[in-house]
Amino acid sequence: MSILGTIFTWWNGATIGTRLFSARNGEQVGHDAQGNVYFRGLKPYPKGHPFAGREQRWVIYNGANDASRVPPEWHGWLHGSFVGVPESNLPPARVWEVDYTPNATGTSDAYLPAGALARGGHRAPATGDYEPWSPDQA
């Protein structure tokens, strides 16, 4: 990304201001497998804030700002579900757990069931096993 893009566009990743704020007002506590970096504030939220007294926590994304890229364990930490960082609270991975896949909504990889408008909007005809409810029959 160009230097101007880094300075002015927040949708392509963290701006220079966000990175400076994080370096100055936060402490890096960890990172995930995708390269996202997590921070905690050096001071709690100020008096009068809805979360007064709670620790400030945030993420700097590695790439596009997409909240679906935050793994569940870090999502829980960001929202204050537990005090310690996820590495200290997670059970070992299960054999059936799959790796993260990004949210494909709005892309060419999005799931489109039969009958979706993007697939032509045609569904298979009803099989005849459907009987609509009628108040007169009740």
Protein backbone atom coordinates (compact mmCIF):
# COMPACT_ATOMS: atom_id res chain seq x y z
CA MET A 1 0.00 0.00 0.00
CA SER A 2 1.21 3.51 -0.76
CA ILE A 3 2.24 5.88 2.01
CA LEU A 4 -0.78 8.12 1.27
CA GLY A 5 -3.06 5.11 1.48
CA THR A 6 -1.58 4.22 4.85
CA ILE A 7 -2.07 7.76 6.13
CA PHE A 8 -5.62 8.38 4.94
CA THR A 9 -7.53 5.13 4.35
CA TRP A 10 -8.75 3.16 7.35
CA TRP A 11 -10.52 0.46 5.30
CA ASN A 12 -7.26 -0.96 3.90
CA GLY A 13 -5.71 -1.52 7.32
CA ALA A 14 -4.54 0.55 10.25
CA THR A 15 -3.62 4.16 9.52
CA ILE A 16 -0.39 5.76 10.69
CA GLY A 17 -2.33 7.50 13.47
CA THR A 18 -3.72 4.20 14.76
CA ARG A 19 -0.28 2.61 14.74
CA LEU A 20 1.23 5.59 16.59
CA PHE A 21 -1.60 5.56 19.13
CA SER A 22 -1.10 1.83 19.70
CA ALA A 23 2.65 2.20 20.17
CA ARG A 24 2.27 5.15 22.52
CA ASN A 25 -0.82 4.23 24.55
CA GLY A 26 -0.85 0.46 24.48
CA GLU A 27 1.06 -2.66 25.25
CA GLN A 28 1.21 -5.49 22.71
CA VAL A 29 -0.10 -8.66 24.33
CA GLY A 30 -0.08 -11.12 21.45
CA HIS A 31 -0.87 -12.03 17.88
CA ASP A 32 -2.87 -14.71 16.10
CA ALA A 33 -2.06 -17.09 13.25
CA GLN A 34 -3.19 -14.51 10.65
CA GLY A 35 -0.77 -11.86 11.88
CA ASN A 36 -3.34 -9.64 13.64
CA VAL A 37 -1.76 -7.89 16.64
CA TYR A 38 -3.63 -7.35 19.93
CA PHE A 39 -3.09 -4.54 22.41
CA ARG A 40 -4.23 -3.50 25.86
CA GLY A 41 -4.32 0.10 27.02
CA LEU A 42 -1.88 1.43 29.58
CA LYS A 43 -4.78 3.17 31.37
CA PRO A 44 -8.38 1.99 31.90
CA TYR A 45 -11.35 3.77 30.35
CA PRO A 46 -11.81 7.19 32.02
CA LYS A 47 -14.51 8.08 34.52
CA GLY A 48 -17.80 8.89 32.79
CA HIS A 49 -17.18 6.41 29.95
CA PRO A 50 -19.75 3.56 29.70
CA PHE A 51 -16.92 1.08 30.38
CA ALA A 52 -15.23 3.18 33.09
CA GLY A 53 -12.56 1.27 34.95
CA ARG A 54 -12.33 -1.56 32.40
CA GLU A 55 -9.18 -2.27 30.46
CA GLN A 56 -9.05 -0.95 26.87
CA ARG A 57 -8.36 -3.69 24.30
CA TRP A 58 -8.03 -3.49 20.51
CA VAL A 59 -6.70 -5.22 17.42
CA ILE A 60 -4.56 -4.03 14.52
CA TYR A 61 -5.46 -6.18 11.51
CA ASN A 62 -2.84 -7.63 9.21
CA GLY A 63 -4.51 -6.53 5.99
CA ALA A 64 -8.09 -5.46 5.42
CA ASN A 65 -10.22 -4.43 8.40
CA ASP A 66 -12.63 -7.35 8.65
CA ALA A 67 -13.92 -8.29 12.09
CA SER A 68 -14.64 -11.84 10.91
CA ARG A 69 -10.86 -12.32 10.76
CA VAL A 70 -10.62 -12.28 14.58
CA PRO A 71 -10.48 -15.88 15.88
CA PRO A 72 -13.01 -16.83 18.59
CA GLU A 73 -10.46 -16.98 21.38
CA TRP A 74 -9.22 -13.44 20.67
CA HIS A 75 -12.80 -12.22 20.21
CA GLY A 76 -13.51 -13.38 23.75
CA TRP A 77 -10.44 -11.58 25.05
CA LEU A 78 -11.30 -8.35 23.19
CA HIS A 79 -14.76 -8.35 24.78
CA GLY A 80 -13.49 -9.02 28.30
CA SER A 81 -14.76 -12.60 28.64
CA PHE A 82 -11.54 -13.51 30.43
CA VAL A 83 -8.60 -11.64 31.90
CA GLY A 84 -5.57 -13.50 30.54
CA VAL A 85 -4.55 -13.65 26.90
CA PRO A 86 -5.97 -16.63 24.97
CA GLU A 87 -2.76 -18.67 25.00
CA SER A 88 -3.14 -19.00 28.78
CA ASN A 89 -6.87 -19.94 28.68
CA LEU A 90 -7.30 -22.28 25.71
CA PRO A 91 -7.57 -26.04 25.80
CA PRO A 92 -5.48 -27.94 23.25
CA ALA A 93 -6.86 -27.97 19.69
CA ARG A 94 -9.14 -30.87 18.75
CA VAL A 95 -8.44 -33.08 15.75
CA TRP A 96 -11.79 -32.15 14.16
CA GLU A 97 -11.21 -28.38 14.31
CA VAL A 98 -10.68 -26.77 10.91
CA ASP A 99 -8.57 -23.77 10.01
CA TYR A 100 -10.14 -20.34 9.65
CA THR A 101 -11.77 -19.39 6.36
CA PRO A 102 -12.70 -15.75 5.71
CA ASN A 103 -16.29 -14.60 5.40
CA ALA A 104 -17.11 -15.01 1.69
CA THR A 105 -20.36 -13.02 1.70
CA GLY A 106 -20.45 -10.64 -1.27
CA THR A 107 -17.67 -12.41 -3.15
CA SER A 108 -17.70 -14.91 -5.99
CA ASP A 109 -16.99 -17.65 -3.41
CA ALA A 110 -20.19 -16.96 -1.44
CA TYR A 111 -22.59 -19.85 -0.85
CA LEU A 112 -25.58 -19.67 -3.19
CA PRO A 113 -28.28 -22.29 -2.61
CA ALA A 114 -30.52 -23.55 -5.39
CA GLY A 115 -33.10 -20.88 -6.15
CA ALA A 116 -30.86 -17.96 -5.25
CA LEU A 117 -31.35 -14.96 -7.52
CA ALA A 118 -27.65 -14.90 -8.35
CA ARG A 119 -28.00 -18.44 -9.71
CA GLY A 120 -30.95 -17.60 -11.93
CA GLY A 121 -33.68 -17.76 -9.30
CA HIS A 122 -35.06 -21.16 -10.39
CA ARG A 123 -35.92 -23.80 -7.83
CA ALA A 124 -37.00 -27.37 -8.27
CA PRO A 125 -40.79 -27.66 -8.39
CA ALA A 126 -42.66 -28.74 -5.29
CA THR A 127 -42.97 -32.51 -4.92
CA GLY A 128 -46.62 -32.54 -3.88
CA ASP A 129 -46.00 -33.42 -0.24
CA TYR A 130 -46.80 -29.88 0.87
CA GLU A 131 -50.31 -29.13 2.05
CA PRO A 132 -50.98 -25.48 2.96
CA TRP A 133 -52.83 -24.69 6.15
CA SER A 134 -56.30 -23.21 5.79
CA PRO A 135 -58.28 -21.66 8.66
CA ASP A 136 -61.50 -23.14 7.24
CA GLN A 137 -60.23 -26.69 7.76
CA ALA A 138 -59.32 -26.15 11.40
